[in-house]
Amino acid sequence: MKAGPSKEPSKKKGKRGLVETDETQNVSITELQRLVLLEQLQVFRLAKELLLHKKNINESDTNLSTLNASAETGNPIFMSLFPGQN
């Protein structure tokens, strides 16, 4: 029994060997540029949010380590800011 031809629709290859999809096939260059910019903006916003989240985690870890060090020495934080004053 022979296998028939693939039932996938044929896809055109662009100048750089990239496959044209149904989604991009009937879209103008201007619309494609806008879609790409919107996608890049979304990725940028997500990356920014991730970096801010990591920064907040690092700051809270630093604050916790300061509190832990203060608790281990028995000196409250405000006393360690002014050495020599009890």
PDB file of N, CA and C in Angstrom:
ATOM      1  N   MET A   1       0.834  -1.162   0.000  1.00  0.00           N
ATOM      2  CA  MET A   1       0.000   0.000   0.000  1.00  0.00           C
ATOM      3  C   MET A   1       0.891   1.241   0.000  1.00  0.00           C
ATOM      4  N   LYS A   2       0.650   2.129  -0.946  1.00  0.00           N
ATOM      5  CA  LYS A   2       1.470   3.326  -1.068  1.00  0.00           C
ATOM      6  C   LYS A   2       0.858   4.468  -0.268  1.00  0.00           C
ATOM      7  N   ALA A   3       1.735   5.237   0.332  1.00  0.00           N
ATOM      8  CA  ALA A   3       1.263   6.422   1.051  1.00  0.00           C
ATOM      9  C   ALA A   3       0.991   7.520   0.042  1.00  0.00           C
ATOM     10  N   GLY A   4      -0.123   8.197   0.208  1.00  0.00           N
ATOM     11  CA  GLY A   4      -0.488   9.268  -0.705  1.00  0.00           C
ATOM     12  C   GLY A   4       0.321  10.523  -0.419  1.00  0.00           C
ATOM     13  N   PRO A   5       0.153  11.513  -1.260  1.00  0.00           N
ATOM     14  CA  PRO A   5       0.880  12.764  -1.040  1.00  0.00           C
ATOM     15  C   PRO A   5       0.413  13.437   0.251  1.00  0.00           C
ATOM     16  N   SER A   6       1.288  14.205   0.804  1.00  0.00           N
ATOM     17  CA  SER A   6       0.975  14.904   2.050  1.00  0.00           C
ATOM     18  C   SER A   6      -0.211  15.832   1.834  1.00  0.00           C
ATOM     19  N   LYS A   7      -1.110  15.864   2.804  1.00  0.00           N
ATOM     20  CA  LYS A   7      -2.294  16.701   2.682  1.00  0.00           C
ATOM     21  C   LYS A   7      -2.069  18.100   3.246  1.00  0.00           C
ATOM     22  N   GLU A   8      -0.856  18.383   3.695  1.00  0.00           N
ATOM     23  CA  GLU A   8      -0.558  19.712   4.197  1.00  0.00           C
ATOM     24  C   GLU A   8      -0.549  20.690   3.037  1.00  0.00           C
ATOM     25  N   PRO A   9      -1.082  21.892   3.246  1.00  0.00           N
ATOM     26  CA  PRO A   9      -1.038  22.870   2.161  1.00  0.00           C
ATOM     27  C   PRO A   9       0.399  23.276   1.879  1.00  0.00           C
ATOM     28  N   SER A  10       0.680  23.514   0.622  1.00  0.00           N
ATOM     29  CA  SER A  10       2.045  23.907   0.272  1.00  0.00           C
ATOM     30  C   SER A  10       2.307  25.304   0.812  1.00  0.00           C
ATOM     31  N   LYS A  11       3.493  25.498   1.319  1.00  0.00           N
ATOM     32  CA  LYS A  11       3.856  26.783   1.895  1.00  0.00           C
ATOM     33  C   LYS A  11       4.985  27.372   1.068  1.00  0.00           C
ATOM     34  N   LYS A  12       4.892  28.656   0.803  1.00  0.00           N
ATOM     35  CA  LYS A  12       5.902  29.341   0.012  1.00  0.00           C
ATOM     36  C   LYS A  12       7.066  29.726   0.904  1.00  0.00           C
ATOM     37  N   LYS A  13       8.261  29.640   0.338  1.00  0.00           N
ATOM     38  CA  LYS A  13       9.439  30.083   1.063  1.00  0.00           C
ATOM     39  C   LYS A  13       9.794  31.482   0.592  1.00  0.00           C
ATOM     40  N   GLY A  14      10.098  32.339   1.540  1.00  0.00           N
ATOM     41  CA  GLY A  14      10.481  33.708   1.221  1.00  0.00           C
ATOM     42  C   GLY A  14      11.927  33.780   0.786  1.00  0.00           C
ATOM     43  N   LYS A  15      12.413  35.000   0.617  1.00  0.00           N
ATOM     44  CA  LYS A  15      13.781  35.230   0.153  1.00  0.00           C
ATOM     45  C   LYS A  15      14.819  34.635   1.097  1.00  0.00           C
ATOM     46  N   ARG A  16      14.541  34.610   2.351  1.00  0.00           N
ATOM     47  CA  ARG A  16      15.519  34.128   3.335  1.00  0.00           C
ATOM     48  C   ARG A  16      15.244  32.706   3.784  1.00  0.00           C
ATOM     49  N   GLY A  17      14.409  32.007   3.055  1.00  0.00           N
ATOM     50  CA  GLY A  17      14.119  30.624   3.383  1.00  0.00           C
ATOM     51  C   GLY A  17      13.083  30.461   4.476  1.00  0.00           C
ATOM     52  N   LEU A  18      12.453  31.552   4.888  1.00  0.00           N
ATOM     53  CA  LEU A  18      11.425  31.476   5.917  1.00  0.00           C
ATOM     54  C   LEU A  18      10.103  31.098   5.275  1.00  0.00           C
ATOM     55  N   VAL A  19       9.337  30.304   5.967  1.00  0.00           N
ATOM     56  CA  VAL A  19       8.080  29.808   5.427  1.00  0.00           C
ATOM     57  C   VAL A  19       6.980  30.839   5.655  1.00  0.00           C
ATOM     58  N   GLU A  20       6.246  31.138   4.591  1.00  0.00           N
ATOM     59  CA  GLU A  20       5.103  32.042   4.682  1.00  0.00           C
ATOM     60  C   GLU A  20       3.930  31.254   5.252  1.00  0.00           C
ATOM     61  N   THR A  21       3.267  31.787   6.251  1.00  0.00           N
ATOM     62  CA  THR A  21       2.136  31.088   6.862  1.00  0.00           C
ATOM     63  C   THR A  21       0.833  31.726   6.410  1.00  0.00           C
ATOM     64  N   ASP A  22      -0.263  31.033   6.687  1.00  0.00           N
ATOM     65  CA  ASP A  22      -1.581  31.581   6.348  1.00  0.00           C
ATOM     66  C   ASP A  22      -1.815  32.899   7.080  1.00  0.00           C
ATOM     67  N   GLU A  23      -1.252  33.001   8.263  1.00  0.00           N
ATOM     68  CA  GLU A  23      -1.440  34.196   9.083  1.00  0.00           C
ATOM     69  C   GLU A  23      -0.768  35.423   8.466  1.00  0.00           C
ATOM     70  N   THR A  24       0.377  35.219   7.836  1.00  0.00           N
ATOM     71  CA  THR A  24       1.130  36.350   7.285  1.00  0.00           C
ATOM     72  C   THR A  24       0.982  36.510   5.777  1.00  0.00           C
ATOM     73  N   GLN A  25       0.413  35.547   5.143  1.00  0.00           N
ATOM     74  CA  GLN A  25       0.355  35.527   3.685  1.00  0.00           C
ATOM     75  C   GLN A  25      -0.414  36.712   3.100  1.00  0.00           C
ATOM     76  N   ASN A  26      -1.521  37.084   3.677  1.00  0.00           N
ATOM     77  CA  ASN A  26      -2.374  38.122   3.111  1.00  0.00           C
ATOM     78  C   ASN A  26      -2.313  39.430   3.895  1.00  0.00           C
ATOM     79  N   VAL A  27      -1.204  39.676   4.559  1.00  0.00           N
ATOM     80  CA  VAL A  27      -1.053  40.877   5.370  1.00  0.00           C
ATOM     81  C   VAL A  27      -0.058  41.805   4.680  1.00  0.00           C
ATOM     82  N   SER A  28      -0.362  43.092   4.691  1.00  0.00           N
ATOM     83  CA  SER A  28       0.540  44.057   4.054  1.00  0.00           C
ATOM     84  C   SER A  28       1.804  44.237   4.897  1.00  0.00           C
ATOM     85  N   ILE A  29       2.830  44.791   4.283  1.00  0.00           N
ATOM     86  CA  ILE A  29       4.091  45.037   4.983  1.00  0.00           C
ATOM     87  C   ILE A  29       3.856  45.970   6.175  1.00  0.00           C
ATOM     88  N   THR A  30       3.045  46.990   5.982  1.00  0.00           N
ATOM     89  CA  THR A  30       2.749  47.932   7.069  1.00  0.00           C
ATOM     90  C   THR A  30       2.096  47.219   8.245  1.00  0.00           C
ATOM     91  N   GLU A  31       1.154  46.345   7.957  1.00  0.00           N
ATOM     92  CA  GLU A  31       0.487  45.598   9.030  1.00  0.00           C
ATOM     93  C   GLU A  31       1.461  44.647   9.718  1.00  0.00           C
ATOM     94  N   LEU A  32       2.324  44.012   8.940  1.00  0.00           N
ATOM     95  CA  LEU A  32       3.324  43.117   9.529  1.00  0.00           C
ATOM     96  C   LEU A  32       4.272  43.887  10.442  1.00  0.00           C
ATOM     97  N   GLN A  33       4.710  45.054   9.990  1.00  0.00           N
ATOM     98  CA  GLN A  33       5.607  45.864  10.815  1.00  0.00           C
ATOM     99  C   GLN A  33       4.928  46.243  12.127  1.00  0.00           C
ATOM    100  N   ARG A  34       3.666  46.619  12.045  1.00  0.00           N
ATOM    101  CA  ARG A  34       2.925  46.980  13.263  1.00  0.00           C
ATOM    102  C   ARG A  34       2.787  45.772  14.189  1.00  0.00           C
ATOM    103  N   LEU A  35       2.486  44.613  13.629  1.00  0.00           N
ATOM    104  CA  LEU A  35       2.369  43.402  14.446  1.00  0.00           C
ATOM    105  C   LEU A  35       3.690  43.071  15.132  1.00  0.00           C
ATOM    106  N   VAL A  36       4.785  43.211  14.396  1.00  0.00           N
ATOM    107  CA  VAL A  36       6.103  42.926  14.969  1.00  0.00           C
ATOM    108  C   VAL A  36       6.409  43.908  16.096  1.00  0.00           C
ATOM    109  N   LEU A  37       6.124  45.184  15.875  1.00  0.00           N
ATOM    110  CA  LEU A  37       6.370  46.184  16.919  1.00  0.00           C
ATOM    111  C   LEU A  37       5.524  45.923  18.162  1.00  0.00           C
ATOM    112  N   LEU A  38       4.269  45.556  17.965  1.00  0.00           N
ATOM    113  CA  LEU A  38       3.407  45.245  19.107  1.00  0.00           C
ATOM    114  C   LEU A  38       3.919  44.026  19.870  1.00  0.00           C
ATOM    115  N   GLU A  39       4.386  43.031  19.134  1.00  0.00           N
ATOM    116  CA  GLU A  39       4.936  41.825  19.765  1.00  0.00           C
ATOM    117  C   GLU A  39       6.204  42.166  20.546  1.00  0.00           C
ATOM    118  N   GLN A  40       7.066  42.988  19.953  1.00  0.00           N
ATOM    119  CA  GLN A  40       8.291  43.402  20.637  1.00  0.00           C
ATOM    120  C   GLN A  40       7.973  44.202  21.895  1.00  0.00           C
ATOM    121  N   LEU A  41       6.957  45.057  21.824  1.00  0.00           N
ATOM    122  CA  LEU A  41       6.546  45.840  22.984  1.00  0.00           C
ATOM    123  C   LEU A  41       6.061  44.930  24.108  1.00  0.00           C
ATOM    124  N   GLN A  42       5.298  43.919  23.750  1.00  0.00           N
ATOM    125  CA  GLN A  42       4.805  42.974  24.756  1.00  0.00           C
ATOM    126  C   GLN A  42       5.968  42.214  25.401  1.00  0.00           C
ATOM    127  N   VAL A  43       6.926  41.779  24.592  1.00  0.00           N
ATOM    128  CA  VAL A  43       8.092  41.064  25.122  1.00  0.00           C
ATOM    129  C   VAL A  43       8.901  41.988  26.028  1.00  0.00           C
ATOM    130  N   PHE A  44       9.071  43.249  25.604  1.00  0.00           N
ATOM    131  CA  PHE A  44       9.799  44.218  26.417  1.00  0.00           C
ATOM    132  C   PHE A  44       9.122  44.421  27.768  1.00  0.00           C
ATOM    133  N   ARG A  45       7.802  44.567  27.758  1.00  0.00           N
ATOM    134  CA  ARG A  45       7.068  44.769  29.013  1.00  0.00           C
ATOM    135  C   ARG A  45       7.203  43.566  29.938  1.00  0.00           C
ATOM    136  N   LEU A  46       7.141  42.367  29.368  1.00  0.00           N
ATOM    137  CA  LEU A  46       7.299  41.163  30.189  1.00  0.00           C
ATOM    138  C   LEU A  46       8.707  41.074  30.763  1.00  0.00           C
ATOM    139  N   ALA A  47       9.719  41.413  29.955  1.00  0.00           N
ATOM    140  CA  ALA A  47      11.101  41.380  30.426  1.00  0.00           C
ATOM    141  C   ALA A  47      11.307  42.405  31.538  1.00  0.00           C
ATOM    142  N   LYS A  48      10.725  43.588  31.370  1.00  0.00           N
ATOM    143  CA  LYS A  48      10.826  44.634  32.390  1.00  0.00           C
ATOM    144  C   LYS A  48      10.174  44.179  33.690  1.00  0.00           C
ATOM    145  N   GLU A  49       8.998  43.585  33.572  1.00  0.00           N
ATOM    146  CA  GLU A  49       8.288  43.085  34.750  1.00  0.00           C
ATOM    147  C   GLU A  49       9.106  42.009  35.462  1.00  0.00           C
ATOM    148  N   LEU A  50       9.728  41.128  34.697  1.00  0.00           N
ATOM    149  CA  LEU A  50      10.556  40.074  35.276  1.00  0.00           C
ATOM    150  C   LEU A  50      11.759  40.662  36.003  1.00  0.00           C
ATOM    151  N   LEU A  51      12.421  41.644  35.387  1.00  0.00           N
ATOM    152  CA  LEU A  51      13.575  42.268  36.026  1.00  0.00           C
ATOM    153  C   LEU A  51      13.183  42.992  37.313  1.00  0.00           C
ATOM    154  N   LEU A  52      12.057  43.696  37.290  1.00  0.00           N
ATOM    155  CA  LEU A  52      11.595  44.371  38.505  1.00  0.00           C
ATOM    156  C   LEU A  52      11.258  43.365  39.600  1.00  0.00           C
ATOM    157  N   HIS A  53      10.660  42.248  39.206  1.00  0.00           N
ATOM    158  CA  HIS A  53      10.330  41.200  40.172  1.00  0.00           C
ATOM    159  C   HIS A  53      11.605  40.628  40.796  1.00  0.00           C
ATOM    160  N   LYS A  54      12.613  40.356  39.958  1.00  0.00           N
ATOM    161  CA  LYS A  54      13.885  39.836  40.479  1.00  0.00           C
ATOM    162  C   LYS A  54      14.548  40.846  41.401  1.00  0.00           C
ATOM    163  N   LYS A  55      14.473  42.139  41.034  1.00  0.00           N
ATOM    164  CA  LYS A  55      15.064  43.186  41.866  1.00  0.00           C
ATOM    165  C   LYS A  55      14.375  43.229  43.226  1.00  0.00           C
ATOM    166  N   ASN A  56      13.048  43.145  43.225  1.00  0.00           N
ATOM    167  CA  ASN A  56      12.301  43.160  44.486  1.00  0.00           C
ATOM    168  C   ASN A  56      12.642  41.958  45.350  1.00  0.00           C
ATOM    169  N   ILE A  57      12.820  40.804  44.731  1.00  0.00           N
ATOM    170  CA  ILE A  57      13.195  39.603  45.482  1.00  0.00           C
ATOM    171  C   ILE A  57      14.573  39.786  46.101  1.00  0.00           C
ATOM    172  N   ASN A  58      15.523  40.308  45.319  1.00  0.00           N
ATOM    173  CA  ASN A  58      16.875  40.521  45.835  1.00  0.00           C
ATOM    174  C   ASN A  58      16.880  41.531  46.977  1.00  0.00           C
ATOM    175  N   GLU A  59      16.089  42.599  46.845  1.00  0.00           N
ATOM    176  CA  GLU A  59      16.017  43.597  47.912  1.00  0.00           C
ATOM    177  C   GLU A  59      15.412  43.005  49.176  1.00  0.00           C
ATOM    178  N   SER A  60      14.372  42.200  49.028  1.00  0.00           N
ATOM    179  CA  SER A  60      13.762  41.603  50.216  1.00  0.00           C
ATOM    180  C   SER A  60      14.701  40.587  50.851  1.00  0.00           C
ATOM    181  N   ASP A  61      15.476  39.864  50.025  1.00  0.00           N
ATOM    182  CA  ASP A  61      16.467  38.934  50.576  1.00  0.00           C
ATOM    183  C   ASP A  61      17.539  39.693  51.351  1.00  0.00           C
ATOM    184  N   THR A  62      17.970  40.840  50.828  1.00  0.00           N
ATOM    185  CA  THR A  62      18.972  41.661  51.510  1.00  0.00           C
ATOM    186  C   THR A  62      18.418  42.180  52.827  1.00  0.00           C
ATOM    187  N   ASN A  63      17.179  42.638  52.809  1.00  0.00           N
ATOM    188  CA  ASN A  63      16.558  43.128  54.041  1.00  0.00           C
ATOM    189  C   ASN A  63      16.423  42.011  55.068  1.00  0.00           C
ATOM    190  N   LEU A  64      16.062  40.816  54.617  1.00  0.00           N
ATOM    191  CA  LEU A  64      15.937  39.685  55.540  1.00  0.00           C
ATOM    192  C   LEU A  64      17.284  39.296  56.119  1.00  0.00           C
ATOM    193  N   SER A  65      18.340  39.315  55.300  1.00  0.00           N
ATOM    194  CA  SER A  65      19.652  38.942  55.817  1.00  0.00           C
ATOM    195  C   SER A  65      20.135  39.972  56.833  1.00  0.00           C
ATOM    196  N   THR A  66      19.793  41.250  56.629  1.00  0.00           N
ATOM    197  CA  THR A  66      20.136  42.283  57.610  1.00  0.00           C
ATOM    198  C   THR A  66      19.399  42.035  58.917  1.00  0.00           C
ATOM    199  N   LEU A  67      18.120  41.713  58.826  1.00  0.00           N
ATOM    200  CA  LEU A  67      17.341  41.420  60.031  1.00  0.00           C
ATOM    201  C   LEU A  67      17.873  40.184  60.736  1.00  0.00           C
ATOM    202  N   ASN A  68      18.219  39.155  59.975  1.00  0.00           N
ATOM    203  CA  ASN A  68      18.748  37.930  60.573  1.00  0.00           C
ATOM    204  C   ASN A  68      20.082  38.189  61.260  1.00  0.00           C
ATOM    205  N   ALA A  69      20.952  38.972  60.634  1.00  0.00           N
ATOM    206  CA  ALA A  69      22.247  39.275  61.239  1.00  0.00           C
ATOM    207  C   ALA A  69      22.052  40.067  62.525  1.00  0.00           C
ATOM    208  N   SER A  70      21.098  40.976  62.515  1.00  0.00           N
ATOM    209  CA  SER A  70      20.812  41.771  63.708  1.00  0.00           C
ATOM    210  C   SER A  70      20.282  40.880  64.830  1.00  0.00           C
ATOM    211  N   ALA A  71      19.424  39.946  64.492  1.00  0.00           N
ATOM    212  CA  ALA A  71      18.854  39.042  65.495  1.00  0.00           C
ATOM    213  C   ALA A  71      19.932  38.130  66.071  1.00  0.00           C
ATOM    214  N   GLU A  72      20.878  37.698  65.232  1.00  0.00           N
ATOM    215  CA  GLU A  72      21.937  36.800  65.699  1.00  0.00           C
ATOM    216  C   GLU A  72      22.878  37.504  66.664  1.00  0.00           C
ATOM    217  N   THR A  73      23.147  38.789  66.435  1.00  0.00           N
ATOM    218  CA  THR A  73      24.066  39.511  67.319  1.00  0.00           C
ATOM    219  C   THR A  73      23.370  40.035  68.559  1.00  0.00           C
ATOM    220  N   GLY A  74      22.044  40.036  68.543  1.00  0.00           N
ATOM    221  CA  GLY A  74      21.303  40.540  69.690  1.00  0.00           C
ATOM    222  C   GLY A  74      21.153  42.042  69.687  1.00  0.00           C
ATOM    223  N   ASN A  75      21.629  42.702  68.655  1.00  0.00           N
ATOM    224  CA  ASN A  75      21.509  44.160  68.565  1.00  0.00           C
ATOM    225  C   ASN A  75      20.400  44.526  67.590  1.00  0.00           C
ATOM    226  N   PRO A  76      19.474  45.339  68.021  1.00  0.00           N
ATOM    227  CA  PRO A  76      18.469  45.811  67.071  1.00  0.00           C
ATOM    228  C   PRO A  76      19.134  46.632  65.966  1.00  0.00           C
ATOM    229  N   ILE A  77      18.487  46.724  64.841  1.00  0.00           N
ATOM    230  CA  ILE A  77      19.062  47.426  63.693  1.00  0.00           C
ATOM    231  C   ILE A  77      19.357  48.883  64.021  1.00  0.00           C
ATOM    232  N   PHE A  78      18.433  49.549  64.707  1.00  0.00           N
ATOM    233  CA  PHE A  78      18.648  50.976  64.974  1.00  0.00           C
ATOM    234  C   PHE A  78      19.854  51.206  65.868  1.00  0.00           C
ATOM    235  N   MET A  79      20.186  50.242  66.717  1.00  0.00           N
ATOM    236  CA  MET A  79      21.368  50.396  67.557  1.00  0.00           C
ATOM    237  C   MET A  79      22.631  50.181  66.749  1.00  0.00           C
ATOM    238  N   SER A  80      22.584  49.300  65.750  1.00  0.00           N
ATOM    239  CA  SER A  80      23.781  49.046  64.964  1.00  0.00           C
ATOM    240  C   SER A  80      24.099  50.216  64.041  1.00  0.00           C
ATOM    241  N   LEU A  81      23.125  51.117  63.820  1.00  0.00           N
ATOM    242  CA  LEU A  81      23.375  52.290  62.996  1.00  0.00           C
ATOM    243  C   LEU A  81      24.190  53.338  63.746  1.00  0.00           C
ATOM    244  N   PHE A  82      24.125  53.304  65.069  1.00  0.00           N
ATOM    245  CA  PHE A  82      24.835  54.275  65.890  1.00  0.00           C
ATOM    246  C   PHE A  82      25.731  53.535  66.878  1.00  0.00           C
ATOM    247  N   PRO A  83      26.897  53.087  66.442  1.00  0.00           N
ATOM    248  CA  PRO A  83      27.768  52.329  67.342  1.00  0.00           C
ATOM    249  C   PRO A  83      28.192  53.176  68.548  1.00  0.00           C
ATOM    250  N   GLY A  84      28.272  52.548  69.660  1.00  0.00           N
ATOM    251  CA  GLY A  84      28.690  53.225  70.878  1.00  0.00           C
ATOM    252  C   GLY A  84      27.531  53.768  71.689  1.00  0.00           C
ATOM    253  N   GLN A  85      26.337  53.814  71.114  1.00  0.00           N
ATOM    254  CA  GLN A  85      25.170  54.279  71.860  1.00  0.00           C
ATOM    255  C   GLN A  85      24.296  53.079  72.178  1.00  0.00           C
ATOM    256  N   ASN A  86      23.951  52.911  73.426  1.00  0.00           N
ATOM    257  CA  ASN A  86      23.078  51.805  73.822  1.00  0.00           C
ATOM    258  C   ASN A  86      21.768  52.313  74.300  1.00  0.00           C
TER     259      ASN A  86
END
